Amino acid sequence: IKVYSYTEIRENILTYSPWILRKGKESKLVEVIDG
């Protein structure tokens, strides 16, 4: 996936695994494997 990161160093977002993905009322926990 492509990610638009809000972190100051964009790729730092990859170090914060796991992520919680949310859209509307739905959410899911995901592990970042590579990036």
PDB file of all heavy atoms in Angstrom:
ATOM      1  N   ILE A   1       0.838  -1.199   0.000  1.00  0.00           N
ATOM      2  CA  ILE A   1       0.000   0.000   0.000  1.00  0.00           C
ATOM      3  C   ILE A   1       0.874   1.250   0.000  1.00  0.00           C
ATOM      4  O   ILE A   1       2.011   1.226   0.478  1.00  0.00           O
ATOM      5  CB  ILE A   1      -0.951   0.036   1.223  1.00  0.00           C
ATOM      6  CG1 ILE A   1      -0.169  -0.019   2.533  1.00  0.00           C
ATOM      7  CG2 ILE A   1      -1.991  -1.057   1.120  1.00  0.00           C
ATOM      8  CD1 ILE A   1      -0.995   0.210   3.783  1.00  0.00           C
ATOM      9  N   LYS A   2       0.319   2.329  -0.548  1.00  0.00           N
ATOM     10  CA  LYS A   2       0.951   3.641  -0.429  1.00  0.00           C
ATOM     11  C   LYS A   2       0.378   4.291   0.821  1.00  0.00           C
ATOM     12  O   LYS A   2      -0.813   4.159   1.115  1.00  0.00           O
ATOM     13  CB  LYS A   2       0.633   4.523  -1.637  1.00  0.00           C
ATOM     14  CG  LYS A   2       1.340   4.107  -2.897  1.00  0.00           C
ATOM     15  CD  LYS A   2       1.015   5.090  -4.015  1.00  0.00           C
ATOM     16  CE  LYS A   2       1.670   4.675  -5.314  1.00  0.00           C
ATOM     17  NZ  LYS A   2       1.339   5.608  -6.406  1.00  0.00           N
ATOM     18  N   VAL A   3       1.244   5.003   1.536  1.00  0.00           N
ATOM     19  CA  VAL A   3       0.855   5.628   2.794  1.00  0.00           C
ATOM     20  C   VAL A   3       1.191   7.107   2.749  1.00  0.00           C
ATOM     21  O   VAL A   3       2.303   7.479   2.378  1.00  0.00           O
ATOM     22  CB  VAL A   3       1.614   4.958   3.967  1.00  0.00           C
ATOM     23  CG1 VAL A   3       1.369   5.695   5.270  1.00  0.00           C
ATOM     24  CG2 VAL A   3       1.224   3.494   4.098  1.00  0.00           C
ATOM     25  N   TYR A   4       0.219   7.944   3.103  1.00  0.00           N
ATOM     26  CA  TYR A   4       0.499   9.358   3.306  1.00  0.00           C
ATOM     27  C   TYR A   4       0.759   9.520   4.797  1.00  0.00           C
ATOM     28  O   TYR A   4      -0.139   9.375   5.618  1.00  0.00           O
ATOM     29  CB  TYR A   4      -0.663  10.244   2.855  1.00  0.00           C
ATOM     30  CG  TYR A   4      -0.320  11.702   3.016  1.00  0.00           C
ATOM     31  CD1 TYR A   4       0.462  12.360   2.062  1.00  0.00           C
ATOM     32  CD2 TYR A   4      -0.731  12.407   4.137  1.00  0.00           C
ATOM     33  CE1 TYR A   4       0.811  13.683   2.214  1.00  0.00           C
ATOM     34  CE2 TYR A   4      -0.383  13.741   4.295  1.00  0.00           C
ATOM     35  CZ  TYR A   4       0.392  14.365   3.338  1.00  0.00           C
ATOM     36  OH  TYR A   4       0.750  15.682   3.496  1.00  0.00           O
ATOM     37  N   SER A   5       2.020   9.786   5.143  1.00  0.00           N
ATOM     38  CA  SER A   5       2.443   9.836   6.535  1.00  0.00           C
ATOM     39  C   SER A   5       2.397  11.249   7.088  1.00  0.00           C
ATOM     40  O   SER A   5       2.842  12.187   6.438  1.00  0.00           O
ATOM     41  CB  SER A   5       3.874   9.293   6.631  1.00  0.00           C
ATOM     42  OG  SER A   5       4.379   9.453   7.933  1.00  0.00           O
ATOM     43  N   TYR A   6       1.886  11.395   8.315  1.00  0.00           N
ATOM     44  CA  TYR A   6       1.882  12.674   9.007  1.00  0.00           C
ATOM     45  C   TYR A   6       3.128  12.849   9.876  1.00  0.00           C
ATOM     46  O   TYR A   6       3.311  13.906  10.460  1.00  0.00           O
ATOM     47  CB  TYR A   6       0.656  12.806   9.922  1.00  0.00           C
ATOM     48  CG  TYR A   6      -0.685  12.642   9.242  1.00  0.00           C
ATOM     49  CD1 TYR A   6      -1.771  12.148   9.951  1.00  0.00           C
ATOM     50  CD2 TYR A   6      -0.888  12.987   7.913  1.00  0.00           C
ATOM     51  CE1 TYR A   6      -3.014  12.000   9.356  1.00  0.00           C
ATOM     52  CE2 TYR A   6      -2.130  12.840   7.311  1.00  0.00           C
ATOM     53  CZ  TYR A   6      -3.185  12.344   8.043  1.00  0.00           C
ATOM     54  OH  TYR A   6      -4.415  12.194   7.461  1.00  0.00           O
ATOM     55  N   THR A   7       3.960  11.812   9.995  1.00  0.00           N
ATOM     56  CA  THR A   7       5.138  11.912  10.848  1.00  0.00           C
ATOM     57  C   THR A   7       6.171  12.831  10.202  1.00  0.00           C
ATOM     58  O   THR A   7       6.243  12.927   8.974  1.00  0.00           O
ATOM     59  CB  THR A   7       5.753  10.528  11.128  1.00  0.00           C
ATOM     60  OG1 THR A   7       6.126   9.893   9.909  1.00  0.00           O
ATOM     61  CG2 THR A   7       4.769   9.641  11.878  1.00  0.00           C
ATOM     62  N   GLU A   8       6.955  13.516  11.036  1.00  0.00           N
ATOM     63  CA  GLU A   8       7.886  14.521  10.522  1.00  0.00           C
ATOM     64  C   GLU A   8       8.923  13.919   9.582  1.00  0.00           C
ATOM     65  O   GLU A   8       9.218  14.474   8.543  1.00  0.00           O
ATOM     66  CB  GLU A   8       8.587  15.242  11.675  1.00  0.00           C
ATOM     67  CG  GLU A   8       9.384  16.438  11.198  1.00  0.00           C
ATOM     68  CD  GLU A   8       9.852  17.292  12.339  1.00  0.00           C
ATOM     69  OE1 GLU A   8       9.078  17.490  13.288  1.00  0.00           O
ATOM     70  OE2 GLU A   8      10.992  17.761  12.269  1.00  0.00           O
ATOM     71  N   ILE A   9       9.475  12.799   9.918  1.00  0.00           N
ATOM     72  CA  ILE A   9      10.260  12.031   8.960  1.00  0.00           C
ATOM     73  C   ILE A   9       9.291  10.964   8.462  1.00  0.00           C
ATOM     74  O   ILE A   9       8.862  10.098   9.222  1.00  0.00           O
ATOM     75  CB  ILE A   9      11.515  11.403   9.609  1.00  0.00           C
ATOM     76  CG1 ILE A   9      12.416  12.521  10.141  1.00  0.00           C
ATOM     77  CG2 ILE A   9      12.246  10.512   8.612  1.00  0.00           C
ATOM     78  CD1 ILE A   9      13.594  12.045  10.943  1.00  0.00           C
ATOM     79  N   ARG A  10       8.894  11.098   7.216  1.00  0.00           N
ATOM     80  CA  ARG A  10       7.755  10.312   6.700  1.00  0.00           C
ATOM     81  C   ARG A  10       7.842   8.813   6.986  1.00  0.00           C
ATOM     82  O   ARG A  10       6.865   8.188   7.350  1.00  0.00           O
ATOM     83  CB  ARG A  10       7.587  10.551   5.204  1.00  0.00           C
ATOM     84  CG  ARG A  10       7.045  11.921   4.920  1.00  0.00           C
ATOM     85  CD  ARG A  10       6.686  12.086   3.466  1.00  0.00           C
ATOM     86  NE  ARG A  10       6.080  13.399   3.300  1.00  0.00           N
ATOM     87  CZ  ARG A  10       6.346  14.208   2.316  1.00  0.00           C
ATOM     88  NH1 ARG A  10       7.175  13.844   1.373  1.00  0.00           N
ATOM     89  NH2 ARG A  10       5.768  15.383   2.248  1.00  0.00           N
ATOM     90  N   GLU A  11       9.022   8.243   6.797  1.00  0.00           N
ATOM     91  CA  GLU A  11       9.126   6.793   6.968  1.00  0.00           C
ATOM     92  C   GLU A  11       9.099   6.346   8.426  1.00  0.00           C
ATOM     93  O   GLU A  11       8.992   5.155   8.713  1.00  0.00           O
ATOM     94  CB  GLU A  11      10.357   6.238   6.239  1.00  0.00           C
ATOM     95  CG  GLU A  11      11.671   6.829   6.644  1.00  0.00           C
ATOM     96  CD  GLU A  11      12.079   8.043   5.824  1.00  0.00           C
ATOM     97  OE1 GLU A  11      11.216   8.750   5.264  1.00  0.00           O
ATOM     98  OE2 GLU A  11      13.273   8.305   5.763  1.00  0.00           O
ATOM     99  N   ASN A  12       9.134   7.271   9.374  1.00  0.00           N
ATOM    100  CA  ASN A  12       9.017   6.896  10.793  1.00  0.00           C
ATOM    101  C   ASN A  12       7.699   6.192  11.089  1.00  0.00           C
ATOM    102  O   ASN A  12       7.607   5.431  12.040  1.00  0.00           O
ATOM    103  CB  ASN A  12       9.148   8.123  11.696  1.00  0.00           C
ATOM    104  CG  ASN A  12      10.587   8.516  11.931  1.00  0.00           C
ATOM    105  OD1 ASN A  12      11.510   7.883  11.430  1.00  0.00           O
ATOM    106  ND2 ASN A  12      10.777   9.585  12.681  1.00  0.00           N
ATOM    107  N   ILE A  13       6.691   6.423  10.280  1.00  0.00           N
ATOM    108  CA  ILE A  13       5.399   5.766  10.481  1.00  0.00           C
ATOM    109  C   ILE A  13       5.559   4.241  10.494  1.00  0.00           C
ATOM    110  O   ILE A  13       4.822   3.535  11.162  1.00  0.00           O
ATOM    111  CB  ILE A  13       4.379   6.215   9.410  1.00  0.00           C
ATOM    112  CG1 ILE A  13       2.957   5.805   9.817  1.00  0.00           C
ATOM    113  CG2 ILE A  13       4.740   5.701   8.034  1.00  0.00           C
ATOM    114  CD1 ILE A  13       1.873   6.397   8.936  1.00  0.00           C
ATOM    115  N   LEU A  14       6.565   3.750   9.783  1.00  0.00           N
ATOM    116  CA  LEU A  14       6.781   2.303   9.692  1.00  0.00           C
ATOM    117  C   LEU A  14       7.256   1.695  11.008  1.00  0.00           C
ATOM    118  O   LEU A  14       7.132   0.493  11.221  1.00  0.00           O
ATOM    119  CB  LEU A  14       7.801   2.002   8.587  1.00  0.00           C
ATOM    120  CG  LEU A  14       7.389   2.459   7.183  1.00  0.00           C
ATOM    121  CD1 LEU A  14       8.575   2.389   6.236  1.00  0.00           C
ATOM    122  CD2 LEU A  14       6.214   1.650   6.670  1.00  0.00           C
ATOM    123  N   THR A  15       7.789   2.507  11.904  1.00  0.00           N
ATOM    124  CA  THR A  15       8.338   1.993  13.166  1.00  0.00           C
ATOM    125  C   THR A  15       7.277   1.836  14.250  1.00  0.00           C
ATOM    126  O   THR A  15       7.579   1.334  15.326  1.00  0.00           O
ATOM    127  CB  THR A  15       9.455   2.915  13.691  1.00  0.00           C
ATOM    128  OG1 THR A  15       8.903   4.190  14.026  1.00  0.00           O
ATOM    129  CG2 THR A  15      10.555   3.090  12.670  1.00  0.00           C
ATOM    130  N   TYR A  16       6.058   2.261  13.979  1.00  0.00           N
ATOM    131  CA  TYR A  16       5.018   2.256  15.003  1.00  0.00           C
ATOM    132  C   TYR A  16       4.058   1.080  14.902  1.00  0.00           C
ATOM    133  O   TYR A  16       2.895   1.211  15.250  1.00  0.00           O
ATOM    134  CB  TYR A  16       4.239   3.570  14.971  1.00  0.00           C
ATOM    135  CG  TYR A  16       5.096   4.784  15.206  1.00  0.00           C
ATOM    136  CD1 TYR A  16       5.092   5.838  14.317  1.00  0.00           C
ATOM    137  CD2 TYR A  16       5.929   4.873  16.315  1.00  0.00           C
ATOM    138  CE1 TYR A  16       5.881   6.957  14.528  1.00  0.00           C
ATOM    139  CE2 TYR A  16       6.724   5.978  16.531  1.00  0.00           C
ATOM    140  CZ  TYR A  16       6.696   7.019  15.634  1.00  0.00           C
ATOM    141  OH  TYR A  16       7.474   8.116  15.844  1.00  0.00           O
ATOM    142  N   SER A  17       4.510  -0.043  14.433  1.00  0.00           N
ATOM    143  CA  SER A  17       3.660  -1.216  14.309  1.00  0.00           C
ATOM    144  C   SER A  17       3.335  -1.756  15.700  1.00  0.00           C
ATOM    145  O   SER A  17       4.203  -1.738  16.576  1.00  0.00           O
ATOM    146  CB  SER A  17       4.392  -2.276  13.490  1.00  0.00           C
ATOM    147  OG  SER A  17       3.572  -3.376  13.237  1.00  0.00           O
ATOM    148  N   PRO A  18       2.101  -2.225  15.919  1.00  0.00           N
ATOM    149  CA  PRO A  18       1.009  -2.386  14.974  1.00  0.00           C
ATOM    150  C   PRO A  18       0.252  -1.073  14.747  1.00  0.00           C
ATOM    151  O   PRO A  18       0.299  -0.166  15.558  1.00  0.00           O
ATOM    152  CB  PRO A  18       0.100  -3.403  15.655  1.00  0.00           C
ATOM    153  CG  PRO A  18       0.290  -3.148  17.117  1.00  0.00           C
ATOM    154  CD  PRO A  18       1.731  -2.744  17.258  1.00  0.00           C
ATOM    155  N   TRP A  19      -0.450  -1.037  13.618  1.00  0.00           N
ATOM    156  CA  TRP A  19      -1.330   0.075  13.287  1.00  0.00           C
ATOM    157  C   TRP A  19      -2.764  -0.355  13.544  1.00  0.00           C
ATOM    158  O   TRP A  19      -3.106  -1.529  13.449  1.00  0.00           O
ATOM    159  CB  TRP A  19      -1.241   0.429  11.815  1.00  0.00           C
ATOM    160  CG  TRP A  19       0.041   1.012  11.330  1.00  0.00           C
ATOM    161  CD1 TRP A  19       1.061   1.529  12.078  1.00  0.00           C
ATOM    162  CD2 TRP A  19       0.435   1.148   9.967  1.00  0.00           C
ATOM    163  NE1 TRP A  19       2.069   1.977  11.266  1.00  0.00           N
ATOM    164  CE2 TRP A  19       1.700   1.755   9.957  1.00  0.00           C
ATOM    165  CE3 TRP A  19      -0.163   0.824   8.760  1.00  0.00           C
ATOM    166  CZ2 TRP A  19       2.381   2.037   8.773  1.00  0.00           C
ATOM    167  CZ3 TRP A  19       0.508   1.096   7.591  1.00  0.00           C
ATOM    168  CH2 TRP A  19       1.766   1.710   7.599  1.00  0.00           C
ATOM    169  N   ILE A  20      -3.578   0.630  13.812  1.00  0.00           N
ATOM    170  CA  ILE A  20      -5.014   0.416  13.838  1.00  0.00           C
ATOM    171  C   ILE A  20      -5.556   1.166  12.630  1.00  0.00           C
ATOM    172  O   ILE A  20      -5.380   2.383  12.519  1.00  0.00           O
ATOM    173  CB  ILE A  20      -5.646   0.949  15.133  1.00  0.00           C
ATOM    174  CG1 ILE A  20      -5.057   0.195  16.327  1.00  0.00           C
ATOM    175  CG2 ILE A  20      -7.172   0.818  15.085  1.00  0.00           C
ATOM    176  CD1 ILE A  20      -5.186   0.900  17.634  1.00  0.00           C
ATOM    177  N   LEU A  21      -6.129   0.429  11.698  1.00  0.00           N
ATOM    178  CA  LEU A  21      -6.729   1.054  10.514  1.00  0.00           C
ATOM    179  C   LEU A  21      -8.194   1.298  10.817  1.00  0.00           C
ATOM    180  O   LEU A  21      -8.877   0.422  11.356  1.00  0.00           O
ATOM    181  CB  LEU A  21      -6.574   0.156   9.296  1.00  0.00           C
ATOM    182  CG  LEU A  21      -5.143  -0.172   8.865  1.00  0.00           C
ATOM    183  CD1 LEU A  21      -5.156  -1.058   7.629  1.00  0.00           C
ATOM    184  CD2 LEU A  21      -4.343   1.093   8.602  1.00  0.00           C
ATOM    185  N   ARG A  22      -8.677   2.499  10.459  1.00  0.00           N
ATOM    186  CA  ARG A  22     -10.073   2.829  10.750  1.00  0.00           C
ATOM    187  C   ARG A  22     -10.692   3.571   9.577  1.00  0.00           C
ATOM    188  O   ARG A  22     -10.084   4.464   8.989  1.00  0.00           O
ATOM    189  CB  ARG A  22     -10.158   3.691  12.001  1.00  0.00           C
ATOM    190  CG  ARG A  22     -11.590   4.048  12.375  1.00  0.00           C
ATOM    191  CD  ARG A  22     -11.701   4.732  13.705  1.00  0.00           C
ATOM    192  NE  ARG A  22     -11.029   6.023  13.678  1.00  0.00           N
ATOM    193  CZ  ARG A  22     -10.758   6.750  14.753  1.00  0.00           C
ATOM    194  NH1 ARG A  22     -11.076   6.303  15.946  1.00  0.00           N
ATOM    195  NH2 ARG A  22     -10.151   7.914  14.641  1.00  0.00           N
ATOM    196  N   LYS A  23     -11.908   3.161   9.263  1.00  0.00           N
ATOM    197  CA  LYS A  23     -12.719   3.857   8.264  1.00  0.00           C
ATOM    198  C   LYS A  23     -14.148   3.791   8.767  1.00  0.00           C
ATOM    199  O   LYS A  23     -14.706   2.698   8.914  1.00  0.00           O
ATOM    200  CB  LYS A  23     -12.598   3.207   6.890  1.00  0.00           C
ATOM    201  CG  LYS A  23     -13.237   4.019   5.786  1.00  0.00           C
ATOM    202  CD  LYS A  23     -12.871   3.464   4.424  1.00  0.00           C
ATOM    203  CE  LYS A  23     -13.264   4.429   3.327  1.00  0.00           C
ATOM    204  NZ  LYS A  23     -12.833   3.939   2.014  1.00  0.00           N
ATOM    205  N   GLY A  24     -14.714   4.956   9.061  1.00  0.00           N
ATOM    206  CA  GLY A  24     -16.053   4.983   9.643  1.00  0.00           C
ATOM    207  C   GLY A  24     -16.031   4.306  11.000  1.00  0.00           C
ATOM    208  O   GLY A  24     -15.199   4.610  11.841  1.00  0.00           O
ATOM    209  N   LYS A  25     -16.919   3.357  11.194  1.00  0.00           N
ATOM    210  CA  LYS A  25     -16.998   2.642  12.471  1.00  0.00           C
ATOM    211  C   LYS A  25     -16.207   1.340  12.463  1.00  0.00           C
ATOM    212  O   LYS A  25     -16.119   0.652  13.466  1.00  0.00           O
ATOM    213  CB  LYS A  25     -18.453   2.363  12.830  1.00  0.00           C
ATOM    214  CG  LYS A  25     -19.232   3.623  13.125  1.00  0.00           C
ATOM    215  CD  LYS A  25     -20.642   3.317  13.538  1.00  0.00           C
ATOM    216  CE  LYS A  25     -21.382   4.619  13.818  1.00  0.00           C
ATOM    217  NZ  LYS A  25     -22.724   4.412  14.303  1.00  0.00           N
ATOM    218  N   GLU A  26     -15.643   1.003  11.319  1.00  0.00           N
ATOM    219  CA  GLU A  26     -14.890  -0.240  11.190  1.00  0.00           C
ATOM    220  C   GLU A  26     -13.411   0.006  11.500  1.00  0.00           C
ATOM    221  O   GLU A  26     -12.848   1.024  11.116  1.00  0.00           O
ATOM    222  CB  GLU A  26     -15.037  -0.778   9.765  1.00  0.00           C
ATOM    223  CG  GLU A  26     -14.491  -2.174   9.577  1.00  0.00           C
ATOM    224  CD  GLU A  26     -14.726  -2.703   8.174  1.00  0.00           C
ATOM    225  OE1 GLU A  26     -15.458  -2.072   7.386  1.00  0.00           O
ATOM    226  OE2 GLU A  26     -14.154  -3.752   7.874  1.00  0.00           O
ATOM    227  N   SER A  27     -12.782  -0.923  12.202  1.00  0.00           N
ATOM    228  CA  SER A  27     -11.350  -0.818  12.477  1.00  0.00           C
ATOM    229  C   SER A  27     -10.736  -2.209  12.511  1.00  0.00           C
ATOM    230  O   SER A  27     -11.419  -3.205  12.726  1.00  0.00           O
ATOM    231  CB  SER A  27     -11.097  -0.084  13.793  1.00  0.00           C
ATOM    232  OG  SER A  27     -11.613  -0.805  14.875  1.00  0.00           O
ATOM    233  N   LYS A  28      -9.430  -2.245  12.260  1.00  0.00           N
ATOM    234  CA  LYS A  28      -8.701  -3.514  12.303  1.00  0.00           C
ATOM    235  C   LYS A  28      -7.259  -3.261  12.711  1.00  0.00           C
ATOM    236  O   LYS A  28      -6.672  -2.232  12.363  1.00  0.00           O
ATOM    237  CB  LYS A  28      -8.774  -4.254  10.970  1.00  0.00           C
ATOM    238  CG  LYS A  28      -8.313  -3.479   9.760  1.00  0.00           C
ATOM    239  CD  LYS A  28      -8.414  -4.282   8.480  1.00  0.00           C
ATOM    240  CE  LYS A  28      -9.794  -4.157   7.896  1.00  0.00           C
ATOM    241  NZ  LYS A  28     -10.016  -4.883   6.687  1.00  0.00           N
ATOM    242  N   LEU A  29      -6.693  -4.196  13.445  1.00  0.00           N
ATOM    243  CA  LEU A  29      -5.311  -4.136  13.894  1.00  0.00           C
ATOM    244  C   LEU A  29      -4.441  -4.855  12.875  1.00  0.00           C
ATOM    245  O   LEU A  29      -4.753  -5.991  12.493  1.00  0.00           O
ATOM    246  CB  LEU A  29      -5.186  -4.816  15.264  1.00  0.00           C
ATOM    247  CG  LEU A  29      -3.849  -4.702  15.969  1.00  0.00           C
ATOM    248  CD1 LEU A  29      -3.595  -3.268  16.405  1.00  0.00           C
ATOM    249  CD2 LEU A  29      -3.830  -5.620  17.184  1.00  0.00           C
ATOM    250  N   VAL A  30      -3.361  -4.196  12.421  1.00  0.00           N
ATOM    251  CA  VAL A  30      -2.491  -4.800  11.409  1.00  0.00           C
ATOM    252  C   VAL A  30      -1.027  -4.630  11.811  1.00  0.00           C
ATOM    253  O   VAL A  30      -0.647  -3.644  12.434  1.00  0.00           O
ATOM    254  CB  VAL A  30      -2.716  -4.180  10.003  1.00  0.00           C
ATOM    255  CG1 VAL A  30      -4.117  -4.466   9.503  1.00  0.00           C
ATOM    256  CG2 VAL A  30      -2.442  -2.695   9.999  1.00  0.00           C
ATOM    257  N   GLU A  31      -0.218  -5.613  11.441  1.00  0.00           N
ATOM    258  CA  GLU A  31       1.231  -5.582  11.681  1.00  0.00           C
ATOM    259  C   GLU A  31       1.937  -5.127  10.414  1.00  0.00           C
ATOM    260  O   GLU A  31       1.635  -5.608   9.318  1.00  0.00           O
ATOM    261  CB  GLU A  31       1.750  -6.970  12.063  1.00  0.00           C
ATOM    262  CG  GLU A  31       1.295  -7.465  13.409  1.00  0.00           C
ATOM    263  CD  GLU A  31       1.976  -6.775  14.580  1.00  0.00           C
ATOM    264  OE1 GLU A  31       3.103  -6.261  14.413  1.00  0.00           O
ATOM    265  OE2 GLU A  31       1.369  -6.749  15.665  1.00  0.00           O
ATOM    266  N   VAL A  32       2.880  -4.215  10.566  1.00  0.00           N
ATOM    267  CA  VAL A  32       3.703  -3.772   9.438  1.00  0.00           C
ATOM    268  C   VAL A  32       4.861  -4.755   9.310  1.00  0.00           C
ATOM    269  O   VAL A  32       5.642  -4.940  10.241  1.00  0.00           O
ATOM    270  CB  VAL A  32       4.246  -2.343   9.666  1.00  0.00           C
ATOM    271  CG1 VAL A  32       5.127  -1.916   8.508  1.00  0.00           C
ATOM    272  CG2 VAL A  32       3.101  -1.362   9.872  1.00  0.00           C
ATOM    273  N   ILE A  33       4.972  -5.408   8.142  1.00  0.00           N
ATOM    274  CA  ILE A  33       6.020  -6.393   7.897  1.00  0.00           C
ATOM    275  C   ILE A  33       7.233  -5.751   7.239  1.00  0.00           C
ATOM    276  O   ILE A  33       8.373  -6.050   7.565  1.00  0.00           O
ATOM    277  CB  ILE A  33       5.498  -7.549   7.004  1.00  0.00           C
ATOM    278  CG1 ILE A  33       4.287  -8.219   7.658  1.00  0.00           C
ATOM    279  CG2 ILE A  33       6.590  -8.549   6.695  1.00  0.00           C
ATOM    280  CD1 ILE A  33       4.554  -8.825   9.015  1.00  0.00           C
ATOM    281  N   ASP A  34       6.987  -4.839   6.324  1.00  0.00           N
ATOM    282  CA  ASP A  34       8.082  -4.204   5.582  1.00  0.00           C
ATOM    283  C   ASP A  34       7.601  -2.850   5.084  1.00  0.00           C
ATOM    284  O   ASP A  34       6.401  -2.588   5.036  1.00  0.00           O
ATOM    285  CB  ASP A  34       8.487  -5.091   4.392  1.00  0.00           C
ATOM    286  CG  ASP A  34       9.852  -4.746   3.818  1.00  0.00           C
ATOM    287  OD1 ASP A  34      10.533  -3.849   4.368  1.00  0.00           O
ATOM    288  OD2 ASP A  34      10.244  -5.368   2.812  1.00  0.00           O
ATOM    289  N   GLY A  35       8.538  -2.014   4.718  1.00  0.00           N
ATOM    290  CA  GLY A  35       8.178  -0.722   4.169  1.00  0.00           C
ATOM    291  C   GLY A  35       9.404   0.116   3.878  1.00  0.00           C
ATOM    292  O   GLY A  35      10.515  -0.205   4.322  1.00  0.00           O
TER     293      GLY A  35
END
